[in-house]
Amino acid sequence: LSNGVMVAAKSGYTALGIQPNTNPVTQTKAAVNFIKAKADLVSL
């Protein structure tokens, strides 16, 4: 997530929708909060 945020900022994006194809998949409130907490230069 941290490197992806940097890549997105370099590429001109200020916001991303992050897909749930992770392990575990994003299917709980805790998983959603985990991703949101990684936002920095780019909103997730």
All heavy atoms as atom14 arrays in JSON, in Angstrom:
{
  "sequence": "LSNGVMVAAKSGYTALGIQPNTNPVTQTKAAVNFIKAKADLVSL",
  "atom14_mask": [
    [1, 1, 1, 1, 1, 1, 1, 1, 0, 0, 0, 0, 0, 0],
    [1, 1, 1, 1, 1, 1, 0, 0, 0, 0, 0, 0, 0, 0],
    [1, 1, 1, 1, 1, 1, 1, 1, 0, 0, 0, 0, 0, 0],
    [1, 1, 1, 1, 0, 0, 0, 0, 0, 0, 0, 0, 0, 0],
    [1, 1, 1, 1, 1, 1, 1, 0, 0, 0, 0, 0, 0, 0],
    [1, 1, 1, 1, 1, 1, 1, 1, 0, 0, 0, 0, 0, 0],
    [1, 1, 1, 1, 1, 1, 1, 0, 0, 0, 0, 0, 0, 0],
    [1, 1, 1, 1, 1, 0, 0, 0, 0, 0, 0, 0, 0, 0],
    [1, 1, 1, 1, 1, 0, 0, 0, 0, 0, 0, 0, 0, 0],
    [1, 1, 1, 1, 1, 1, 1, 1, 1, 0, 0, 0, 0, 0],
    [1, 1, 1, 1, 1, 1, 0, 0, 0, 0, 0, 0, 0, 0],
    [1, 1, 1, 1, 0, 0, 0, 0, 0, 0, 0, 0, 0, 0],
    [1, 1, 1, 1, 1, 1, 1, 1, 1, 1, 1, 1, 0, 0],
    [1, 1, 1, 1, 1, 1, 1, 0, 0, 0, 0, 0, 0, 0],
    [1, 1, 1, 1, 1, 0, 0, 0, 0, 0, 0, 0, 0, 0],
    [1, 1, 1, 1, 1, 1, 1, 1, 0, 0, 0, 0, 0, 0],
    [1, 1, 1, 1, 0, 0, 0, 0, 0, 0, 0, 0, 0, 0],
    [1, 1, 1, 1, 1, 1, 1, 1, 0, 0, 0, 0, 0, 0],
    [1, 1, 1, 1, 1, 1, 1, 1, 1, 0, 0, 0, 0, 0],
    [1, 1, 1, 1, 1, 1, 1, 0, 0, 0, 0, 0, 0, 0],
    [1, 1, 1, 1, 1, 1, 1, 1, 0, 0, 0, 0, 0, 0],
    [1, 1, 1, 1, 1, 1, 1, 0, 0, 0, 0, 0, 0, 0],
    [1, 1, 1, 1, 1, 1, 1, 1, 0, 0, 0, 0, 0, 0],
    [1, 1, 1, 1, 1, 1, 1, 0, 0, 0, 0, 0, 0, 0],
    [1, 1, 1, 1, 1, 1, 1, 0, 0, 0, 0, 0, 0, 0],
    [1, 1, 1, 1, 1, 1, 1, 0, 0, 0, 0, 0, 0, 0],
    [1, 1, 1, 1, 1, 1, 1, 1, 1, 0, 0, 0, 0, 0],
    [1, 1, 1, 1, 1, 1, 1, 0, 0, 0, 0, 0, 0, 0],
    [1, 1, 1, 1, 1, 1, 1, 1, 1, 0, 0, 0, 0, 0],
    [1, 1, 1, 1, 1, 0, 0, 0, 0, 0, 0, 0, 0, 0],
    [1, 1, 1, 1, 1, 0, 0, 0, 0, 0, 0, 0, 0, 0],
    [1, 1, 1, 1, 1, 1, 1, 0, 0, 0, 0, 0, 0, 0],
    [1, 1, 1, 1, 1, 1, 1, 1, 0, 0, 0, 0, 0, 0],
    [1, 1, 1, 1, 1, 1, 1, 1, 1, 1, 1, 0, 0, 0],
    [1, 1, 1, 1, 1, 1, 1, 1, 0, 0, 0, 0, 0, 0],
    [1, 1, 1, 1, 1, 1, 1, 1, 1, 0, 0, 0, 0, 0],
    [1, 1, 1, 1, 1, 0, 0, 0, 0, 0, 0, 0, 0, 0],
    [1, 1, 1, 1, 1, 1, 1, 1, 1, 0, 0, 0, 0, 0],
    [1, 1, 1, 1, 1, 0, 0, 0, 0, 0, 0, 0, 0, 0],
    [1, 1, 1, 1, 1, 1, 1, 1, 0, 0, 0, 0, 0, 0],
    [1, 1, 1, 1, 1, 1, 1, 1, 0, 0, 0, 0, 0, 0],
    [1, 1, 1, 1, 1, 1, 1, 0, 0, 0, 0, 0, 0, 0],
    [1, 1, 1, 1, 1, 1, 0, 0, 0, 0, 0, 0, 0, 0],
    [1, 1, 1, 1, 1, 1, 1, 1, 0, 0, 0, 0, 0, 0]
  ],
  "atom14_positions": [
    [[0.82, -1.21, 0.0], [0.0, 0.0, 0.0], [0.85, 1.26, 0.0], [0.56, 2.22, -0.7], [-0.94, -0.01, 1.21], [-2.11, -1.0, 1.11], [-2.74, -1.21, 2.48], [-3.15, -0.49, 0.12], [0.0, 0.0, 0.0], [0.0, 0.0, 0.0], [0.0, 0.0, 0.0], [0.0, 0.0, 0.0], [0.0, 0.0, 0.0], [0.0, 0.0, 0.0]],
    [[1.93, 1.28, 0.76], [2.77, 2.48, 0.83], [3.43, 2.77, -0.5], [3.46, 3.92, -0.96], [3.81, 2.33, 1.94], [4.66, 1.22, 1.7], [0.0, 0.0, 0.0], [0.0, 0.0, 0.0], [0.0, 0.0, 0.0], [0.0, 0.0, 0.0], [0.0, 0.0, 0.0], [0.0, 0.0, 0.0], [0.0, 0.0, 0.0], [0.0, 0.0, 0.0]],
    [[3.97, 1.76, -1.15], [4.59, 1.99, -2.45], [3.54, 2.31, -3.51], [3.75, 3.16, -4.39], [5.4, 0.78, -2.9], [6.26, 1.07, -4.12], [7.21, 1.85, -4.04], [5.93, 0.46, -5.25], [0.0, 0.0, 0.0], [0.0, 0.0, 0.0], [0.0, 0.0, 0.0], [0.0, 0.0, 0.0], [0.0, 0.0, 0.0], [0.0, 0.0, 0.0]],
    [[2.39, 1.66, -3.42], [1.32, 1.94, -4.37], [0.83, 3.38, -4.28], [0.52, 4.0, -5.3], [0.0, 0.0, 0.0], [0.0, 0.0, 0.0], [0.0, 0.0, 0.0], [0.0, 0.0, 0.0], [0.0, 0.0, 0.0], [0.0, 0.0, 0.0], [0.0, 0.0, 0.0], [0.0, 0.0, 0.0], [0.0, 0.0, 0.0], [0.0, 0.0, 0.0]],
    [[0.76, 3.91, -3.06], [0.38, 5.31, -2.88], [1.4, 6.23, -3.54], [1.03, 7.21, -4.22], [0.24, 5.63, -1.38], [0.24, 7.13, -1.12], [-1.04, 5.01, -0.83], [0.0, 0.0, 0.0], [0.0, 0.0, 0.0], [0.0, 0.0, 0.0], [0.0, 0.0, 0.0], [0.0, 0.0, 0.0], [0.0, 0.0, 0.0], [0.0, 0.0, 0.0]],
    [[2.68, 5.94, -3.38], [3.71, 6.74, -4.02], [3.6, 6.68, -5.54], [3.7, 7.7, -6.24], [5.09, 6.26, -3.56], [6.27, 7.05, -4.11], [6.86, 6.42, -5.73], [7.5, 4.82, -5.24], [0.0, 0.0, 0.0], [0.0, 0.0, 0.0], [0.0, 0.0, 0.0], [0.0, 0.0, 0.0], [0.0, 0.0, 0.0], [0.0, 0.0, 0.0]],
    [[3.39, 5.48, -6.07], [3.23, 5.3, -7.52], [2.05, 6.12, -8.03], [2.14, 6.8, -9.06], [3.04, 3.81, -7.86], [2.61, 3.63, -9.31], [4.34, 3.04, -7.61], [0.0, 0.0, 0.0], [0.0, 0.0, 0.0], [0.0, 0.0, 0.0], [0.0, 0.0, 0.0], [0.0, 0.0, 0.0], [0.0, 0.0, 0.0], [0.0, 0.0, 0.0]],
    [[0.93, 6.06, -7.31], [-0.26, 6.79, -7.73], [-0.02, 8.3, -7.74], [-0.44, 9.01, -8.67], [-1.42, 6.44, -6.82], [0.0, 0.0, 0.0], [0.0, 0.0, 0.0], [0.0, 0.0, 0.0], [0.0, 0.0, 0.0], [0.0, 0.0, 0.0], [0.0, 0.0, 0.0], [0.0, 0.0, 0.0], [0.0, 0.0, 0.0], [0.0, 0.0, 0.0]],
    [[0.65, 8.81, -6.71], [0.93, 10.24, -6.65], [1.83, 10.66, -7.8], [1.6, 11.69, -8.46], [1.57, 10.6, -5.31], [0.0, 0.0, 0.0], [0.0, 0.0, 0.0], [0.0, 0.0, 0.0], [0.0, 0.0, 0.0], [0.0, 0.0, 0.0], [0.0, 0.0, 0.0], [0.0, 0.0, 0.0], [0.0, 0.0, 0.0], [0.0, 0.0, 0.0]],
    [[2.87, 9.88, -8.07], [3.75, 10.18, -9.2], [3.0, 10.16, -10.52], [3.36, 10.85, -11.48], [4.9, 9.17, -9.25], [6.02, 9.39, -8.24], [7.1, 8.33, -8.4], [8.31, 8.63, -7.52], [9.07, 9.8, -7.99], [0.0, 0.0, 0.0], [0.0, 0.0, 0.0], [0.0, 0.0, 0.0], [0.0, 0.0, 0.0], [0.0, 0.0, 0.0]],
    [[1.93, 9.37, -10.57], [1.17, 9.19, -11.8], [0.02, 10.18, -11.94], [-0.72, 10.13, -12.94], [0.63, 7.76, -11.87], [1.67, 6.81, -11.75], [0.0, 0.0, 0.0], [0.0, 0.0, 0.0], [0.0, 0.0, 0.0], [0.0, 0.0, 0.0], [0.0, 0.0, 0.0], [0.0, 0.0, 0.0], [0.0, 0.0, 0.0], [0.0, 0.0, 0.0]],
    [[-0.17, 11.04, -10.95], [-1.16, 12.1, -11.06], [-2.46, 11.86, -10.32], [-3.38, 12.68, -10.41], [0.0, 0.0, 0.0], [0.0, 0.0, 0.0], [0.0, 0.0, 0.0], [0.0, 0.0, 0.0], [0.0, 0.0, 0.0], [0.0, 0.0, 0.0], [0.0, 0.0, 0.0], [0.0, 0.0, 0.0], [0.0, 0.0, 0.0], [0.0, 0.0, 0.0]],
    [[-2.57, 10.77, -9.57], [-3.82, 10.45, -8.89], [-3.83, 11.0, -7.46], [-2.82, 10.91, -6.76], [-4.04, 8.94, -8.86], [-4.27, 8.36, -10.24], [-3.2, 7.93, -11.02], [-5.55, 8.26, -10.77], [-3.38, 7.42, -12.3], [-5.75, 7.74, -12.04], [-4.68, 7.33, -12.8], [-4.88, 6.83, -14.07], [0.0, 0.0, 0.0], [0.0, 0.0, 0.0]],
    [[-4.97, 11.53, -7.07], [-5.13, 11.96, -5.68], [-6.07, 11.05, -4.91], [-6.23, 11.22, -3.7], [-5.66, 13.4, -5.61], [-6.96, 13.47, -6.22], [-4.71, 14.37, -6.32], [0.0, 0.0, 0.0], [0.0, 0.0, 0.0], [0.0, 0.0, 0.0], [0.0, 0.0, 0.0], [0.0, 0.0, 0.0], [0.0, 0.0, 0.0], [0.0, 0.0, 0.0]],
    [[-6.71, 10.09, -5.59], [-7.63, 9.17, -4.91], [-7.68, 7.86, -5.68], [-7.66, 7.84, -6.91], [-9.02, 9.77, -4.81], [0.0, 0.0, 0.0], [0.0, 0.0, 0.0], [0.0, 0.0, 0.0], [0.0, 0.0, 0.0], [0.0, 0.0, 0.0], [0.0, 0.0, 0.0], [0.0, 0.0, 0.0], [0.0, 0.0, 0.0], [0.0, 0.0, 0.0]],
    [[-7.76, 6.76, -4.92], [-7.84, 5.42, -5.5], [-8.96, 4.64, -4.82], [-9.17, 4.75, -3.62], [-6.54, 4.64, -5.3], [-5.24, 5.19, -5.88], [-4.08, 4.27, -5.5], [-5.33, 5.35, -7.38], [0.0, 0.0, 0.0], [0.0, 0.0, 0.0], [0.0, 0.0, 0.0], [0.0, 0.0, 0.0], [0.0, 0.0, 0.0], [0.0, 0.0, 0.0]],
    [[-9.65, 3.81, -5.6], [-10.52, 2.79, -5.05], [-9.75, 1.49, -5.01], [-9.29, 1.0, -6.04], [0.0, 0.0, 0.0], [0.0, 0.0, 0.0], [0.0, 0.0, 0.0], [0.0, 0.0, 0.0], [0.0, 0.0, 0.0], [0.0, 0.0, 0.0], [0.0, 0.0, 0.0], [0.0, 0.0, 0.0], [0.0, 0.0, 0.0], [0.0, 0.0, 0.0]],
    [[-9.57, 0.92, -3.81], [-8.72, -0.25, -3.63], [-9.58, -1.51, -3.64], [-10.47, -1.7, -2.8], [-7.92, -0.16, -2.31], [-7.12, 1.15, -2.28], [-6.99, -1.35, -2.16], [-6.12, 1.31, -3.4], [0.0, 0.0, 0.0], [0.0, 0.0, 0.0], [0.0, 0.0, 0.0], [0.0, 0.0, 0.0], [0.0, 0.0, 0.0], [0.0, 0.0, 0.0]],
    [[-9.28, -2.4, -4.58], [-10.06, -3.61, -4.77], [-9.79, -4.64, -3.64], [-8.71, -4.63, -3.03], [-9.77, -4.22, -6.13], [-10.29, -3.38, -7.29], [-11.81, -3.34, -7.34], [-12.49, -4.29, -6.94], [-12.36, -2.24, -7.83], [0.0, 0.0, 0.0], [0.0, 0.0, 0.0], [0.0, 0.0, 0.0], [0.0, 0.0, 0.0], [0.0, 0.0, 0.0]],
    [[-10.73, -5.55, -3.39], [-10.63, -6.44, -2.23], [-9.88, -7.75, -2.48], [-9.95, -8.65, -1.66], [-12.1, -6.74, -1.92], [-12.76, -6.73, -3.25], [-12.06, -5.65, -4.04], [0.0, 0.0, 0.0], [0.0, 0.0, 0.0], [0.0, 0.0, 0.0], [0.0, 0.0, 0.0], [0.0, 0.0, 0.0], [0.0, 0.0, 0.0], [0.0, 0.0, 0.0]],
    [[-9.17, -7.85, -3.6], [-8.49, -9.12, -3.95], [-7.17, -9.27, -3.19], [-6.09, -9.33, -3.76], [-8.26, -9.23, -5.46], [-7.52, -8.05, -6.04], [-7.65, -6.93, -5.56], [-6.75, -8.29, -7.08], [0.0, 0.0, 0.0], [0.0, 0.0, 0.0], [0.0, 0.0, 0.0], [0.0, 0.0, 0.0], [0.0, 0.0, 0.0], [0.0, 0.0, 0.0]],
    [[-7.29, -9.31, -1.87], [-6.15, -9.46, -0.97], [-6.34, -10.75, -0.18], [-7.27, -11.51, -0.42], [-6.07, -8.25, -0.03], [-7.36, -8.04, 0.59], [-5.68, -6.99, -0.78], [0.0, 0.0, 0.0], [0.0, 0.0, 0.0], [0.0, 0.0, 0.0], [0.0, 0.0, 0.0], [0.0, 0.0, 0.0], [0.0, 0.0, 0.0], [0.0, 0.0, 0.0]],
    [[-5.44, -11.0, 0.75], [-5.55, -12.2, 1.58], [-5.26, -11.82, 3.04], [-4.1, -11.6, 3.39], [-4.57, -13.27, 1.1], [-4.75, -14.58, 1.85], [-5.8, -14.82, 2.44], [-3.73, -15.42, 1.82], [0.0, 0.0, 0.0], [0.0, 0.0, 0.0], [0.0, 0.0, 0.0], [0.0, 0.0, 0.0], [0.0, 0.0, 0.0], [0.0, 0.0, 0.0]],
    [[-6.27, -11.71, 3.9], [-7.68, -11.98, 3.61], [-8.31, -10.89, 2.76], [-7.78, -9.78, 2.68], [-8.3, -12.03, 5.01], [-7.43, -11.11, 5.82], [-6.04, -11.32, 5.31], [0.0, 0.0, 0.0], [0.0, 0.0, 0.0], [0.0, 0.0, 0.0], [0.0, 0.0, 0.0], [0.0, 0.0, 0.0], [0.0, 0.0, 0.0], [0.0, 0.0, 0.0]],
    [[-9.45, -11.22, 2.16], [-10.13, -10.24, 1.33], [-10.7, -9.14, 2.21], [-10.91, -9.32, 3.42], [-11.26, -10.89, 0.49], [-10.69, -11.96, -0.42], [-12.34, -11.47, 1.38], [0.0, 0.0, 0.0], [0.0, 0.0, 0.0], [0.0, 0.0, 0.0], [0.0, 0.0, 0.0], [0.0, 0.0, 0.0], [0.0, 0.0, 0.0], [0.0, 0.0, 0.0]],
    [[-10.97, -7.99, 1.61], [-11.54, -6.85, 2.34], [-13.04, -7.08, 2.5], [-13.83, -6.8, 1.6], [-11.28, -5.54, 1.57], [-9.89, -5.42, 1.29], [-11.75, -4.34, 2.38], [0.0, 0.0, 0.0], [0.0, 0.0, 0.0], [0.0, 0.0, 0.0], [0.0, 0.0, 0.0], [0.0, 0.0, 0.0], [0.0, 0.0, 0.0], [0.0, 0.0, 0.0]],
    [[-13.42, -7.62, 3.66], [-14.83, -7.95, 3.87], [-15.32, -7.63, 5.28], [-16.41, -8.05, 5.66], [-15.08, -9.42, 3.56], [-14.27, -10.4, 4.4], [-14.45, -11.84, 3.93], [-15.09, -12.12, 2.92], [-13.88, -12.77, 4.68], [0.0, 0.0, 0.0], [0.0, 0.0, 0.0], [0.0, 0.0, 0.0], [0.0, 0.0, 0.0], [0.0, 0.0, 0.0]],
    [[-14.53, -6.87, 6.03], [-14.92, -6.47, 7.38], [-14.61, -4.99, 7.59], [-13.83, -4.38, 6.86], [-14.17, -7.28, 8.44], [-12.76, -6.97, 8.35], [-14.37, -8.78, 8.26], [0.0, 0.0, 0.0], [0.0, 0.0, 0.0], [0.0, 0.0, 0.0], [0.0, 0.0, 0.0], [0.0, 0.0, 0.0], [0.0, 0.0, 0.0], [0.0, 0.0, 0.0]],
    [[-15.22, -4.44, 8.64], [-14.95, -3.06, 9.01], [-13.46, -2.88, 9.34], [-12.86, -1.85, 8.97], [-15.82, -2.68, 10.2], [-15.65, -1.27, 10.7], [-16.74, -0.89, 11.68], [-16.67, -1.74, 12.94], [-17.68, -1.28, 13.95], [0.0, 0.0, 0.0], [0.0, 0.0, 0.0], [0.0, 0.0, 0.0], [0.0, 0.0, 0.0], [0.0, 0.0, 0.0]],
    [[-12.86, -3.85, 10.0], [-11.44, -3.75, 10.35], [-10.57, -3.72, 9.11], [-9.58, -2.96, 9.05], [-11.05, -4.93, 11.24], [0.0, 0.0, 0.0], [0.0, 0.0, 0.0], [0.0, 0.0, 0.0], [0.0, 0.0, 0.0], [0.0, 0.0, 0.0], [0.0, 0.0, 0.0], [0.0, 0.0, 0.0], [0.0, 0.0, 0.0], [0.0, 0.0, 0.0]],
    [[-10.91, -4.51, 8.1], [-10.12, -4.52, 6.86], [-10.24, -3.19, 6.13], [-9.26, -2.7, 5.55], [-10.58, -5.67, 5.98], [0.0, 0.0, 0.0], [0.0, 0.0, 0.0], [0.0, 0.0, 0.0], [0.0, 0.0, 0.0], [0.0, 0.0, 0.0], [0.0, 0.0, 0.0], [0.0, 0.0, 0.0], [0.0, 0.0, 0.0], [0.0, 0.0, 0.0]],
    [[-11.43, -2.61, 6.13], [-11.63, -1.3, 5.52], [-10.78, -0.25, 6.24], [-10.09, 0.57, 5.61], [-13.12, -0.91, 5.54], [-13.31, 0.56, 5.15], [-13.91, -1.82, 4.61], [0.0, 0.0, 0.0], [0.0, 0.0, 0.0], [0.0, 0.0, 0.0], [0.0, 0.0, 0.0], [0.0, 0.0, 0.0], [0.0, 0.0, 0.0], [0.0, 0.0, 0.0]],
    [[-10.8, -0.28, 7.56], [-10.02, 0.69, 8.34], [-8.52, 0.51, 8.13], [-7.76, 1.5, 8.12], [-10.36, 0.56, 9.82], [-11.74, 1.1, 10.15], [-12.22, 2.02, 9.5], [-12.38, 0.53, 11.17], [0.0, 0.0, 0.0], [0.0, 0.0, 0.0], [0.0, 0.0, 0.0], [0.0, 0.0, 0.0], [0.0, 0.0, 0.0], [0.0, 0.0, 0.0]],
    [[-8.08, -0.72, 7.94], [-6.66, -0.99, 7.69], [-6.19, -0.28, 6.42], [-5.12, 0.35, 6.4], [-6.43, -2.49, 7.56], [-5.04, -2.87, 7.12], [-3.98, -2.89, 8.02], [-4.79, -3.21, 5.79], [-2.7, -3.23, 7.61], [-3.51, -3.54, 5.37], [-2.46, -3.55, 6.28], [0.0, 0.0, 0.0], [0.0, 0.0, 0.0], [0.0, 0.0, 0.0]],
    [[-6.99, -0.37, 5.37], [-6.61, 0.27, 4.11], [-6.66, 1.79, 4.25], [-5.73, 2.5, 3.83], [-7.54, -0.2, 2.98], [-7.28, -1.69, 2.68], [-7.32, 0.63, 1.72], [-8.3, -2.32, 1.76], [0.0, 0.0, 0.0], [0.0, 0.0, 0.0], [0.0, 0.0, 0.0], [0.0, 0.0, 0.0], [0.0, 0.0, 0.0], [0.0, 0.0, 0.0]],
    [[-7.71, 2.31, 4.84], [-7.84, 3.76, 4.97], [-6.68, 4.36, 5.76], [-6.23, 5.48, 5.48], [-9.16, 4.09, 5.63], [-10.38, 3.87, 4.76], [-11.66, 4.17, 5.52], [-11.7, 5.6, 5.99], [-12.93, 5.88, 6.78], [0.0, 0.0, 0.0], [0.0, 0.0, 0.0], [0.0, 0.0, 0.0], [0.0, 0.0, 0.0], [0.0, 0.0, 0.0]],
    [[-6.19, 3.61, 6.74], [-5.1, 4.12, 7.58], [-3.79, 4.27, 6.82], [-2.88, 4.96, 7.27], [-4.89, 3.19, 8.77], [0.0, 0.0, 0.0], [0.0, 0.0, 0.0], [0.0, 0.0, 0.0], [0.0, 0.0, 0.0], [0.0, 0.0, 0.0], [0.0, 0.0, 0.0], [0.0, 0.0, 0.0], [0.0, 0.0, 0.0], [0.0, 0.0, 0.0]],
    [[-3.68, 3.64, 5.65], [-2.46, 3.7, 4.84], [-2.45, 4.89, 3.9], [-1.47, 5.1, 3.18], [-2.3, 2.41, 4.04], [-2.15, 1.15, 4.9], [-0.8, 1.08, 5.58], [-0.62, -0.25, 6.3], [0.73, -0.41, 6.87], [0.0, 0.0, 0.0], [0.0, 0.0, 0.0], [0.0, 0.0, 0.0], [0.0, 0.0, 0.0], [0.0, 0.0, 0.0]],
    [[-3.53, 5.65, 3.86], [-3.59, 6.81, 2.97], [-2.56, 7.85, 3.4], [-2.33, 8.06, 4.58], [-4.99, 7.41, 2.99], [0.0, 0.0, 0.0], [0.0, 0.0, 0.0], [0.0, 0.0, 0.0], [0.0, 0.0, 0.0], [0.0, 0.0, 0.0], [0.0, 0.0, 0.0], [0.0, 0.0, 0.0], [0.0, 0.0, 0.0], [0.0, 0.0, 0.0]],
    [[-1.95, 8.48, 2.41], [-0.96, 9.53, 2.7], [-1.07, 10.61, 1.64], [-1.92, 11.5, 1.72], [0.44, 8.93, 2.76], [1.49, 9.94, 3.19], [1.11, 11.0, 3.72], [2.68, 9.69, 2.99], [0.0, 0.0, 0.0], [0.0, 0.0, 0.0], [0.0, 0.0, 0.0], [0.0, 0.0, 0.0], [0.0, 0.0, 0.0], [0.0, 0.0, 0.0]],
    [[-0.23, 10.54, 0.62], [-0.3, 11.5, -0.48], [-1.59, 11.35, -1.26], [-2.08, 12.3, -1.88], [0.89, 11.31, -1.42], [2.27, 11.54, -0.85], [3.34, 11.06, -1.82], [2.47, 13.02, -0.52], [0.0, 0.0, 0.0], [0.0, 0.0, 0.0], [0.0, 0.0, 0.0], [0.0, 0.0, 0.0], [0.0, 0.0, 0.0], [0.0, 0.0, 0.0]],
    [[-2.14, 10.15, -1.25], [-3.33, 9.8, -2.03], [-4.4, 9.29, -1.07], [-4.1, 8.5, -0.17], [-2.98, 8.72, -3.08], [-4.21, 8.26, -3.82], [-1.93, 9.26, -4.05], [0.0, 0.0, 0.0], [0.0, 0.0, 0.0], [0.0, 0.0, 0.0], [0.0, 0.0, 0.0], [0.0, 0.0, 0.0], [0.0, 0.0, 0.0], [0.0, 0.0, 0.0]],
    [[-5.64, 9.71, -1.27], [-6.76, 9.19, -0.48], [-7.1, 7.78, -0.95], [-7.15, 7.52, -2.16], [-7.98, 10.1, -0.64], [-7.7, 11.41, -0.19], [0.0, 0.0, 0.0], [0.0, 0.0, 0.0], [0.0, 0.0, 0.0], [0.0, 0.0, 0.0], [0.0, 0.0, 0.0], [0.0, 0.0, 0.0], [0.0, 0.0, 0.0], [0.0, 0.0, 0.0]],
    [[-7.32, 6.87, -0.01], [-7.64, 5.49, -0.33], [-9.08, 5.18, 0.07], [-9.47, 5.39, 1.23], [-6.68, 4.53, 0.39], [-5.19, 4.69, 0.07], [-4.37, 3.67, 0.84], [-4.93, 4.58, -1.43], [0.0, 0.0, 0.0], [0.0, 0.0, 0.0], [0.0, 0.0, 0.0], [0.0, 0.0, 0.0], [0.0, 0.0, 0.0], [0.0, 0.0, 0.0]]
  ]
}
